[in-house]
Amino acid sequence: MAAAKKATKKTARGRKQDRAHVAGGQKYEVGYEAQKTGRSASAVKKVGNSRKRVEKRLGR
């Protein structure tokens, strides 16, 4: 007799947590924030990976 796999529920929690951060290794995410705030990509990386902090410190 084979054991049946239990279906897991999909939640939006992971997506919300992911949107709260800027992935420093992802060129397109850093570039997007840099363009949005009018600063350089290195400035975005220097501030950190919190999207809220980046927008607050770099002026949006």
PDB file of N, CA and C in Angstrom:
ATOM      1  N   MET A   1       0.825  -1.178   0.000  1.00  0.00           N
ATOM      2  CA  MET A   1       0.000   0.000   0.000  1.00  0.00           C
ATOM      3  C   MET A   1       0.877   1.253   0.000  1.00  0.00           C
ATOM      4  N   ALA A   2       0.622   2.180  -0.908  1.00  0.00           N
ATOM      5  CA  ALA A   2       1.394   3.407  -1.009  1.00  0.00           C
ATOM      6  C   ALA A   2       0.766   4.497  -0.143  1.00  0.00           C
ATOM      7  N   ALA A   3       1.607   5.253   0.503  1.00  0.00           N
ATOM      8  CA  ALA A   3       1.112   6.349   1.341  1.00  0.00           C
ATOM      9  C   ALA A   3       0.712   7.516   0.451  1.00  0.00           C
ATOM     10  N   ALA A   4      -0.425   8.100   0.705  1.00  0.00           N
ATOM     11  CA  ALA A   4      -0.902   9.236  -0.078  1.00  0.00           C
ATOM     12  C   ALA A   4      -0.215  10.509   0.404  1.00  0.00           C
ATOM     13  N   LYS A   5       0.149  11.350  -0.536  1.00  0.00           N
ATOM     14  CA  LYS A   5       0.766  12.629  -0.180  1.00  0.00           C
ATOM     15  C   LYS A   5      -0.315  13.602   0.271  1.00  0.00           C
ATOM     16  N   LYS A   6      -0.030  14.308   1.333  1.00  0.00           N
ATOM     17  CA  LYS A   6      -0.972  15.297   1.839  1.00  0.00           C
ATOM     18  C   LYS A   6      -0.769  16.605   1.070  1.00  0.00           C
ATOM     19  N   ALA A   7      -1.855  17.153   0.562  1.00  0.00           N
ATOM     20  CA  ALA A   7      -1.782  18.413  -0.188  1.00  0.00           C
ATOM     21  C   ALA A   7      -1.532  19.565   0.782  1.00  0.00           C
ATOM     22  N   THR A   8      -0.616  20.440   0.413  1.00  0.00           N
ATOM     23  CA  THR A   8      -0.333  21.596   1.260  1.00  0.00           C
ATOM     24  C   THR A   8      -1.091  22.808   0.731  1.00  0.00           C
ATOM     25  N   LYS A   9      -1.508  23.641   1.659  1.00  0.00           N
ATOM     26  CA  LYS A   9      -2.213  24.862   1.280  1.00  0.00           C
ATOM     27  C   LYS A   9      -1.213  25.898   0.800  1.00  0.00           C
ATOM     28  N   LYS A  10      -1.566  26.618  -0.220  1.00  0.00           N
ATOM     29  CA  LYS A  10      -0.728  27.716  -0.697  1.00  0.00           C
ATOM     30  C   LYS A  10      -1.223  29.002  -0.060  1.00  0.00           C
ATOM     31  N   THR A  11      -0.293  29.747   0.517  1.00  0.00           N
ATOM     32  CA  THR A  11      -0.663  31.013   1.149  1.00  0.00           C
ATOM     33  C   THR A  11       0.093  32.142   0.467  1.00  0.00           C
ATOM     34  N   ALA A  12      -0.330  33.343   0.704  1.00  0.00           N
ATOM     35  CA  ALA A  12       0.310  34.517   0.123  1.00  0.00           C
ATOM     36  C   ALA A  12       1.409  35.056   1.031  1.00  0.00           C
ATOM     37  N   ARG A  13       1.643  34.416   2.168  1.00  0.00           N
ATOM     38  CA  ARG A  13       2.597  34.928   3.137  1.00  0.00           C
ATOM     39  C   ARG A  13       3.997  35.069   2.560  1.00  0.00           C
ATOM     40  N   GLY A  14       4.477  34.053   1.879  1.00  0.00           N
ATOM     41  CA  GLY A  14       5.822  34.095   1.308  1.00  0.00           C
ATOM     42  C   GLY A  14       5.977  35.221   0.302  1.00  0.00           C
ATOM     43  N   ARG A  15       4.980  35.438  -0.493  1.00  0.00           N
ATOM     44  CA  ARG A  15       5.028  36.495  -1.502  1.00  0.00           C
ATOM     45  C   ARG A  15       5.129  37.871  -0.845  1.00  0.00           C
ATOM     46  N   LYS A  16       4.382  38.080   0.228  1.00  0.00           N
ATOM     47  CA  LYS A  16       4.400  39.359   0.925  1.00  0.00           C
ATOM     48  C   LYS A  16       5.772  39.614   1.540  1.00  0.00           C
ATOM     49  N   GLN A  17       6.348  38.579   2.128  1.00  0.00           N
ATOM     50  CA  GLN A  17       7.672  38.720   2.721  1.00  0.00           C
ATOM     51  C   GLN A  17       8.709  39.001   1.641  1.00  0.00           C
ATOM     52  N   ASP A  18       8.559  38.375   0.495  1.00  0.00           N
ATOM     53  CA  ASP A  18       9.513  38.562  -0.596  1.00  0.00           C
ATOM     54  C   ASP A  18       9.445  39.989  -1.145  1.00  0.00           C
ATOM     55  N   ARG A  19       8.266  40.547  -1.240  1.00  0.00           N
ATOM     56  CA  ARG A  19       8.097  41.904  -1.765  1.00  0.00           C
ATOM     57  C   ARG A  19       8.670  42.957  -0.824  1.00  0.00           C
ATOM     58  N   ALA A  20       8.846  42.607   0.443  1.00  0.00           N
ATOM     59  CA  ALA A  20       9.361  43.554   1.425  1.00  0.00           C
ATOM     60  C   ALA A  20      10.877  43.722   1.330  1.00  0.00           C
ATOM     61  N   HIS A  21      11.532  42.913   0.488  1.00  0.00           N
ATOM     62  CA  HIS A  21      12.983  42.953   0.389  1.00  0.00           C
ATOM     63  C   HIS A  21      13.465  43.195  -1.041  1.00  0.00           C
ATOM     64  N   VAL A  22      14.620  43.794  -1.146  1.00  0.00           N
ATOM     65  CA  VAL A  22      15.291  43.977  -2.428  1.00  0.00           C
ATOM     66  C   VAL A  22      16.420  42.961  -2.459  1.00  0.00           C
ATOM     67  N   ALA A  23      16.392  42.068  -3.426  1.00  0.00           N
ATOM     68  CA  ALA A  23      17.436  41.046  -3.534  1.00  0.00           C
ATOM     69  C   ALA A  23      18.678  41.698  -4.133  1.00  0.00           C
ATOM     70  N   GLY A  24      19.707  41.881  -3.310  1.00  0.00           N
ATOM     71  CA  GLY A  24      20.927  42.547  -3.746  1.00  0.00           C
ATOM     72  C   GLY A  24      21.650  41.832  -4.868  1.00  0.00           C
ATOM     73  N   GLY A  25      21.471  40.530  -4.977  1.00  0.00           N
ATOM     74  CA  GLY A  25      22.119  39.756  -6.029  1.00  0.00           C
ATOM     75  C   GLY A  25      21.352  39.762  -7.337  1.00  0.00           C
ATOM     76  N   GLN A  26      20.140  40.280  -7.322  1.00  0.00           N
ATOM     77  CA  GLN A  26      19.315  40.318  -8.526  1.00  0.00           C
ATOM     78  C   GLN A  26      19.419  41.701  -9.157  1.00  0.00           C
ATOM     79  N   LYS A  27      20.120  41.762 -10.272  1.00  0.00           N
ATOM     80  CA  LYS A  27      20.403  43.034 -10.937  1.00  0.00           C
ATOM     81  C   LYS A  27      19.125  43.815 -11.272  1.00  0.00           C
ATOM     82  N   TYR A  28      18.083  43.098 -11.707  1.00  0.00           N
ATOM     83  CA  TYR A  28      16.851  43.782 -12.107  1.00  0.00           C
ATOM     84  C   TYR A  28      16.131  44.396 -10.908  1.00  0.00           C
ATOM     85  N   GLU A  29      16.187  43.753  -9.749  1.00  0.00           N
ATOM     86  CA  GLU A  29      15.528  44.326  -8.569  1.00  0.00           C
ATOM     87  C   GLU A  29      16.263  45.570  -8.081  1.00  0.00           C
ATOM     88  N   VAL A  30      17.577  45.496  -8.040  1.00  0.00           N
ATOM     89  CA  VAL A  30      18.379  46.642  -7.605  1.00  0.00           C
ATOM     90  C   VAL A  30      18.217  47.786  -8.607  1.00  0.00           C
ATOM     91  N   GLY A  31      18.230  47.459  -9.881  1.00  0.00           N
ATOM     92  CA  GLY A  31      18.054  48.467 -10.932  1.00  0.00           C
ATOM     93  C   GLY A  31      16.703  49.140 -10.862  1.00  0.00           C
ATOM     94  N   TYR A  32      15.687  48.362 -10.557  1.00  0.00           N
ATOM     95  CA  TYR A  32      14.334  48.906 -10.442  1.00  0.00           C
ATOM     96  C   TYR A  32      14.252  49.915  -9.306  1.00  0.00           C
ATOM     97  N   GLU A  33      14.779  49.549  -8.139  1.00  0.00           N
ATOM     98  CA  GLU A  33      14.765  50.462  -7.000  1.00  0.00           C
ATOM     99  C   GLU A  33      15.627  51.692  -7.269  1.00  0.00           C
ATOM    100  N   ALA A  34      16.744  51.499  -7.951  1.00  0.00           N
ATOM    101  CA  ALA A  34      17.616  52.627  -8.275  1.00  0.00           C
ATOM    102  C   ALA A  34      16.892  53.614  -9.183  1.00  0.00           C
ATOM    103  N   GLN A  35      16.196  53.099 -10.185  1.00  0.00           N
ATOM    104  CA  GLN A  35      15.457  53.960 -11.108  1.00  0.00           C
ATOM    105  C   GLN A  35      14.299  54.645 -10.385  1.00  0.00           C
ATOM    106  N   LYS A  36      13.616  53.910  -9.526  1.00  0.00           N
ATOM    107  CA  LYS A  36      12.465  54.443  -8.814  1.00  0.00           C
ATOM    108  C   LYS A  36      12.856  55.567  -7.861  1.00  0.00           C
ATOM    109  N   THR A  37      14.016  55.434  -7.210  1.00  0.00           N
ATOM    110  CA  THR A  37      14.442  56.447  -6.250  1.00  0.00           C
ATOM    111  C   THR A  37      15.337  57.508  -6.875  1.00  0.00           C
ATOM    112  N   GLY A  38      15.791  57.274  -8.098  1.00  0.00           N
ATOM    113  CA  GLY A  38      16.650  58.247  -8.772  1.00  0.00           C
ATOM    114  C   GLY A  38      18.090  58.205  -8.294  1.00  0.00           C
ATOM    115  N   ARG A  39      18.497  57.098  -7.684  1.00  0.00           N
ATOM    116  CA  ARG A  39      19.859  56.939  -7.188  1.00  0.00           C
ATOM    117  C   ARG A  39      20.554  55.807  -7.921  1.00  0.00           C
ATOM    118  N   SER A  40      21.826  55.604  -7.602  1.00  0.00           N
ATOM    119  CA  SER A  40      22.584  54.541  -8.265  1.00  0.00           C
ATOM    120  C   SER A  40      22.302  53.190  -7.610  1.00  0.00           C
ATOM    121  N   ALA A  41      22.615  52.135  -8.349  1.00  0.00           N
ATOM    122  CA  ALA A  41      22.427  50.777  -7.838  1.00  0.00           C
ATOM    123  C   ALA A  41      23.319  50.520  -6.629  1.00  0.00           C
ATOM    124  N   SER A  42      24.513  51.090  -6.629  1.00  0.00           N
ATOM    125  CA  SER A  42      25.409  50.880  -5.489  1.00  0.00           C
ATOM    126  C   SER A  42      24.853  51.552  -4.228  1.00  0.00           C
ATOM    127  N   ALA A  43      24.150  52.669  -4.400  1.00  0.00           N
ATOM    128  CA  ALA A  43      23.532  53.340  -3.248  1.00  0.00           C
ATOM    129  C   ALA A  43      22.426  52.467  -2.670  1.00  0.00           C
ATOM    130  N   VAL A  44      21.669  51.818  -3.535  1.00  0.00           N
ATOM    131  CA  VAL A  44      20.596  50.937  -3.087  1.00  0.00           C
ATOM    132  C   VAL A  44      21.187  49.763  -2.310  1.00  0.00           C
ATOM    133  N   LYS A  45      22.248  49.173  -2.828  1.00  0.00           N
ATOM    134  CA  LYS A  45      22.886  48.040  -2.162  1.00  0.00           C
ATOM    135  C   LYS A  45      23.481  48.437  -0.814  1.00  0.00           C
ATOM    136  N   LYS A  46      23.995  49.662  -0.745  1.00  0.00           N
ATOM    137  CA  LYS A  46      24.631  50.146   0.478  1.00  0.00           C
ATOM    138  C   LYS A  46      23.615  50.294   1.616  1.00  0.00           C
ATOM    139  N   VAL A  47      22.401  50.732   1.292  1.00  0.00           N
ATOM    140  CA  VAL A  47      21.364  50.940   2.292  1.00  0.00           C
ATOM    141  C   VAL A  47      20.920  49.605   2.893  1.00  0.00           C
ATOM    142  N   GLY A  48      20.833  48.569   2.078  1.00  0.00           N
ATOM    143  CA  GLY A  48      20.427  47.255   2.587  1.00  0.00           C
ATOM    144  C   GLY A  48      19.326  46.645   1.747  1.00  0.00           C
ATOM    145  N   ASN A  49      18.728  45.574   2.265  1.00  0.00           N
ATOM    146  CA  ASN A  49      17.746  44.878   1.455  1.00  0.00           C
ATOM    147  C   ASN A  49      16.297  45.137   1.855  1.00  0.00           C
ATOM    148  N   SER A  50      16.052  45.982   2.830  1.00  0.00           N
ATOM    149  CA  SER A  50      14.691  46.313   3.213  1.00  0.00           C
ATOM    150  C   SER A  50      14.142  47.370   2.249  1.00  0.00           C
ATOM    151  N   ARG A  51      13.084  47.013   1.533  1.00  0.00           N
ATOM    152  CA  ARG A  51      12.502  47.922   0.541  1.00  0.00           C
ATOM    153  C   ARG A  51      12.022  49.210   1.204  1.00  0.00           C
ATOM    154  N   LYS A  52      11.439  49.085   2.389  1.00  0.00           N
ATOM    155  CA  LYS A  52      10.933  50.252   3.113  1.00  0.00           C
ATOM    156  C   LYS A  52      12.085  51.202   3.464  1.00  0.00           C
ATOM    157  N   ARG A  53      13.199  50.645   3.939  1.00  0.00           N
ATOM    158  CA  ARG A  53      14.371  51.452   4.317  1.00  0.00           C
ATOM    159  C   ARG A  53      14.982  52.114   3.094  1.00  0.00           C
ATOM    160  N   VAL A  54      15.065  51.383   1.987  1.00  0.00           N
ATOM    161  CA  VAL A  54      15.641  51.932   0.759  1.00  0.00           C
ATOM    162  C   VAL A  54      14.812  53.132   0.308  1.00  0.00           C
ATOM    163  N   GLU A  55      13.501  52.979   0.274  1.00  0.00           N
ATOM    164  CA  GLU A  55      12.640  54.066  -0.176  1.00  0.00           C
ATOM    165  C   GLU A  55      12.680  55.254   0.783  1.00  0.00           C
ATOM    166  N   LYS A  56      12.791  54.994   2.078  1.00  0.00           N
ATOM    167  CA  LYS A  56      12.832  56.071   3.065  1.00  0.00           C
ATOM    168  C   LYS A  56      14.145  56.853   2.981  1.00  0.00           C
ATOM    169  N   ARG A  57      15.266  56.145   2.955  1.00  0.00           N
ATOM    170  CA  ARG A  57      16.582  56.806   2.961  1.00  0.00           C
ATOM    171  C   ARG A  57      16.959  57.431   1.635  1.00  0.00           C
ATOM    172  N   LEU A  58      16.524  56.833   0.538  1.00  0.00           N
ATOM    173  CA  LEU A  58      16.906  57.353  -0.768  1.00  0.00           C
ATOM    174  C   LEU A  58      15.843  58.264  -1.361  1.00  0.00           C
ATOM    175  N   GLY A  59      14.841  58.564  -0.590  1.00  0.00           N
ATOM    176  CA  GLY A  59      13.876  59.582  -0.962  1.00  0.00           C
ATOM    177  C   GLY A  59      12.841  59.204  -1.967  1.00  0.00           C
ATOM    178  N   ARG A  60      11.820  58.562  -1.508  1.00  0.00           N
ATOM    179  CA  ARG A  60      10.665  58.356  -2.379  1.00  0.00           C
ATOM    180  C   ARG A  60       9.439  58.654  -1.592  1.00  0.00           C
TER     181      ARG A  60
END
